[in-house]
Amino acid sequence: MAAIISIGRAIRTARRRHRLTQEQLAELAGTSTRTVREIEHGSGSTSIATVAAVADAVGLTLGVIS
Protein backbone atom coordinates (compact mmCIF):
# COMPACT_ATOMS: atom_id res chain seq x y z
CA MET A 1 0.00 0.00 0.00
CA ALA A 2 2.87 2.41 0.72
CA ALA A 3 4.11 2.08 -2.87
CA ILE A 4 0.68 3.01 -4.21
CA ILE A 5 0.57 6.13 -2.06
CA SER A 6 4.14 7.06 -3.11
CA ILE A 7 3.23 6.76 -6.78
CA GLY A 8 0.16 8.90 -6.20
CA ARG A 9 2.19 11.57 -4.42
CA ALA A 10 4.78 11.61 -7.19
CA ILE A 11 2.05 12.03 -9.81
CA ARG A 12 0.37 14.81 -7.83
CA THR A 13 3.70 16.62 -7.37
CA ALA A 14 4.51 16.34 -11.09
CA ARG A 15 0.99 17.48 -12.03
CA ARG A 16 1.34 20.57 -9.87
CA ARG A 17 4.83 21.25 -11.23
CA HIS A 18 3.33 21.24 -14.73
CA ARG A 19 0.52 23.47 -13.45
CA LEU A 20 -2.18 21.04 -14.54
CA THR A 21 -5.54 20.48 -12.92
CA GLN A 22 -6.74 16.96 -12.31
CA GLU A 23 -9.20 17.50 -15.15
CA GLN A 24 -6.45 18.52 -17.57
CA LEU A 25 -4.27 15.57 -16.58
CA ALA A 26 -7.19 13.19 -17.03
CA GLU A 27 -7.76 14.52 -20.53
CA LEU A 28 -4.06 14.18 -21.43
CA ALA A 29 -3.98 10.61 -20.10
CA GLY A 30 -7.29 9.58 -21.66
CA THR A 31 -9.00 8.79 -18.38
CA SER A 32 -11.46 10.36 -15.96
CA THR A 33 -10.90 13.01 -13.32
CA ARG A 34 -12.13 10.52 -10.74
CA THR A 35 -9.40 8.05 -11.76
CA VAL A 36 -6.70 10.73 -11.42
CA ARG A 37 -8.07 11.65 -7.99
CA GLU A 38 -8.06 7.99 -6.89
CA ILE A 39 -4.48 7.49 -8.11
CA GLU A 40 -3.27 10.61 -6.31
CA HIS A 41 -4.95 9.48 -3.08
CA GLY A 42 -3.94 5.82 -3.37
CA SER A 43 -7.54 4.63 -3.36
CA GLY A 44 -9.69 2.73 -5.79
CA SER A 45 -8.60 -0.10 -8.04
CA THR A 46 -6.98 1.32 -11.13
CA SER A 47 -5.10 -0.84 -13.60
CA ILE A 48 -1.34 -0.50 -13.83
CA ALA A 49 -1.75 0.49 -17.50
CA THR A 50 -3.90 3.45 -16.49
CA VAL A 51 -1.50 4.49 -13.74
CA ALA A 52 1.35 4.28 -16.26
CA ALA A 53 -0.60 6.44 -18.75
CA VAL A 54 -1.26 9.09 -16.10
CA ALA A 55 2.37 9.02 -14.98
CA ASP A 56 3.56 9.29 -18.58
CA ALA A 57 1.34 12.33 -19.15
CA VAL A 58 3.36 14.22 -16.52
CA GLY A 59 6.72 12.86 -17.63
CA LEU A 60 7.12 10.06 -15.09
CA THR A 61 7.81 6.39 -15.71
CA LEU A 62 7.04 3.47 -13.46
CA GLY A 63 9.94 1.28 -12.41
CA VAL A 64 10.05 -2.43 -12.91
CA ILE A 65 8.41 -4.37 -10.11
CA SER A 66 10.35 -7.49 -9.16
C-alpha atoms as a PDB file:
ATOM      1  CA  MET A   1       0.000   0.000   0.000  1.00  0.00           C
ATOM      2  CA  ALA A   2       2.870   2.410   0.723  1.00  0.00           C
ATOM      3  CA  ALA A   3       4.112   2.076  -2.866  1.00  0.00           C
ATOM      4  CA  ILE A   4       0.676   3.014  -4.206  1.00  0.00           C
ATOM      5  CA  ILE A   5       0.573   6.134  -2.057  1.00  0.00           C
ATOM      6  CA  SER A   6       4.137   7.058  -3.106  1.00  0.00           C
ATOM      7  CA  ILE A   7       3.229   6.757  -6.784  1.00  0.00           C
ATOM      8  CA  GLY A   8       0.159   8.905  -6.204  1.00  0.00           C
ATOM      9  CA  ARG A   9       2.186  11.573  -4.416  1.00  0.00           C
ATOM     10  CA  ALA A  10       4.781  11.606  -7.194  1.00  0.00           C
ATOM     11  CA  ILE A  11       2.050  12.028  -9.809  1.00  0.00           C
ATOM     12  CA  ARG A  12       0.369  14.811  -7.829  1.00  0.00           C
ATOM     13  CA  THR A  13       3.700  16.624  -7.373  1.00  0.00           C
ATOM     14  CA  ALA A  14       4.508  16.343 -11.088  1.00  0.00           C
ATOM     15  CA  ARG A  15       0.995  17.481 -12.034  1.00  0.00           C
ATOM     16  CA  ARG A  16       1.335  20.567  -9.874  1.00  0.00           C
ATOM     17  CA  ARG A  17       4.829  21.252 -11.235  1.00  0.00           C
ATOM     18  CA  HIS A  18       3.334  21.238 -14.729  1.00  0.00           C
ATOM     19  CA  ARG A  19       0.515  23.470 -13.446  1.00  0.00           C
ATOM     20  CA  LEU A  20      -2.179  21.041 -14.538  1.00  0.00           C
ATOM     21  CA  THR A  21      -5.536  20.483 -12.919  1.00  0.00           C
ATOM     22  CA  GLN A  22      -6.742  16.959 -12.312  1.00  0.00           C
ATOM     23  CA  GLU A  23      -9.201  17.499 -15.151  1.00  0.00           C
ATOM     24  CA  GLN A  24      -6.445  18.525 -17.572  1.00  0.00           C
ATOM     25  CA  LEU A  25      -4.272  15.572 -16.577  1.00  0.00           C
ATOM     26  CA  ALA A  26      -7.192  13.194 -17.026  1.00  0.00           C
ATOM     27  CA  GLU A  27      -7.760  14.516 -20.531  1.00  0.00           C
ATOM     28  CA  LEU A  28      -4.064  14.176 -21.427  1.00  0.00           C
ATOM     29  CA  ALA A  29      -3.981  10.612 -20.095  1.00  0.00           C
ATOM     30  CA  GLY A  30      -7.291   9.584 -21.658  1.00  0.00           C
ATOM     31  CA  THR A  31      -8.996   8.793 -18.382  1.00  0.00           C
ATOM     32  CA  SER A  32     -11.458  10.359 -15.960  1.00  0.00           C
ATOM     33  CA  THR A  33     -10.899  13.007 -13.325  1.00  0.00           C
ATOM     34  CA  ARG A  34     -12.133  10.524 -10.741  1.00  0.00           C
ATOM     35  CA  THR A  35      -9.398   8.054 -11.757  1.00  0.00           C
ATOM     36  CA  VAL A  36      -6.699  10.730 -11.422  1.00  0.00           C
ATOM     37  CA  ARG A  37      -8.065  11.651  -7.994  1.00  0.00           C
ATOM     38  CA  GLU A  38      -8.061   7.994  -6.894  1.00  0.00           C
ATOM     39  CA  ILE A  39      -4.484   7.486  -8.114  1.00  0.00           C
ATOM     40  CA  GLU A  40      -3.270  10.609  -6.306  1.00  0.00           C
ATOM     41  CA  HIS A  41      -4.947   9.483  -3.076  1.00  0.00           C
ATOM     42  CA  GLY A  42      -3.941   5.815  -3.369  1.00  0.00           C
ATOM     43  CA  SER A  43      -7.536   4.634  -3.359  1.00  0.00           C
ATOM     44  CA  GLY A  44      -9.685   2.730  -5.794  1.00  0.00           C
ATOM     45  CA  SER A  45      -8.605  -0.104  -8.043  1.00  0.00           C
ATOM     46  CA  THR A  46      -6.983   1.322 -11.131  1.00  0.00           C
ATOM     47  CA  SER A  47      -5.100  -0.843 -13.603  1.00  0.00           C
ATOM     48  CA  ILE A  48      -1.342  -0.504 -13.827  1.00  0.00           C
ATOM     49  CA  ALA A  49      -1.749   0.489 -17.495  1.00  0.00           C
ATOM     50  CA  THR A  50      -3.904   3.453 -16.490  1.00  0.00           C
ATOM     51  CA  VAL A  51      -1.497   4.493 -13.736  1.00  0.00           C
ATOM     52  CA  ALA A  52       1.346   4.282 -16.264  1.00  0.00           C
ATOM     53  CA  ALA A  53      -0.603   6.444 -18.747  1.00  0.00           C
ATOM     54  CA  VAL A  54      -1.265   9.088 -16.097  1.00  0.00           C
ATOM     55  CA  ALA A  55       2.373   9.016 -14.976  1.00  0.00           C
ATOM     56  CA  ASP A  56       3.558   9.287 -18.581  1.00  0.00           C
ATOM     57  CA  ALA A  57       1.338  12.325 -19.152  1.00  0.00           C
ATOM     58  CA  VAL A  58       3.361  14.221 -16.517  1.00  0.00           C
ATOM     59  CA  GLY A  59       6.723  12.864 -17.632  1.00  0.00           C
ATOM     60  CA  LEU A  60       7.124  10.059 -15.092  1.00  0.00           C
ATOM     61  CA  THR A  61       7.814   6.389 -15.709  1.00  0.00           C
ATOM     62  CA  LEU A  62       7.037   3.473 -13.458  1.00  0.00           C
ATOM     63  CA  GLY A  63       9.943   1.278 -12.409  1.00  0.00           C
ATOM     64  CA  VAL A  64      10.055  -2.433 -12.908  1.00  0.00           C
ATOM     65  CA  ILE A  65       8.408  -4.375 -10.105  1.00  0.00           C
ATOM     66  CA  SER A  66      10.352  -7.491  -9.157  1.00  0.00           C
END
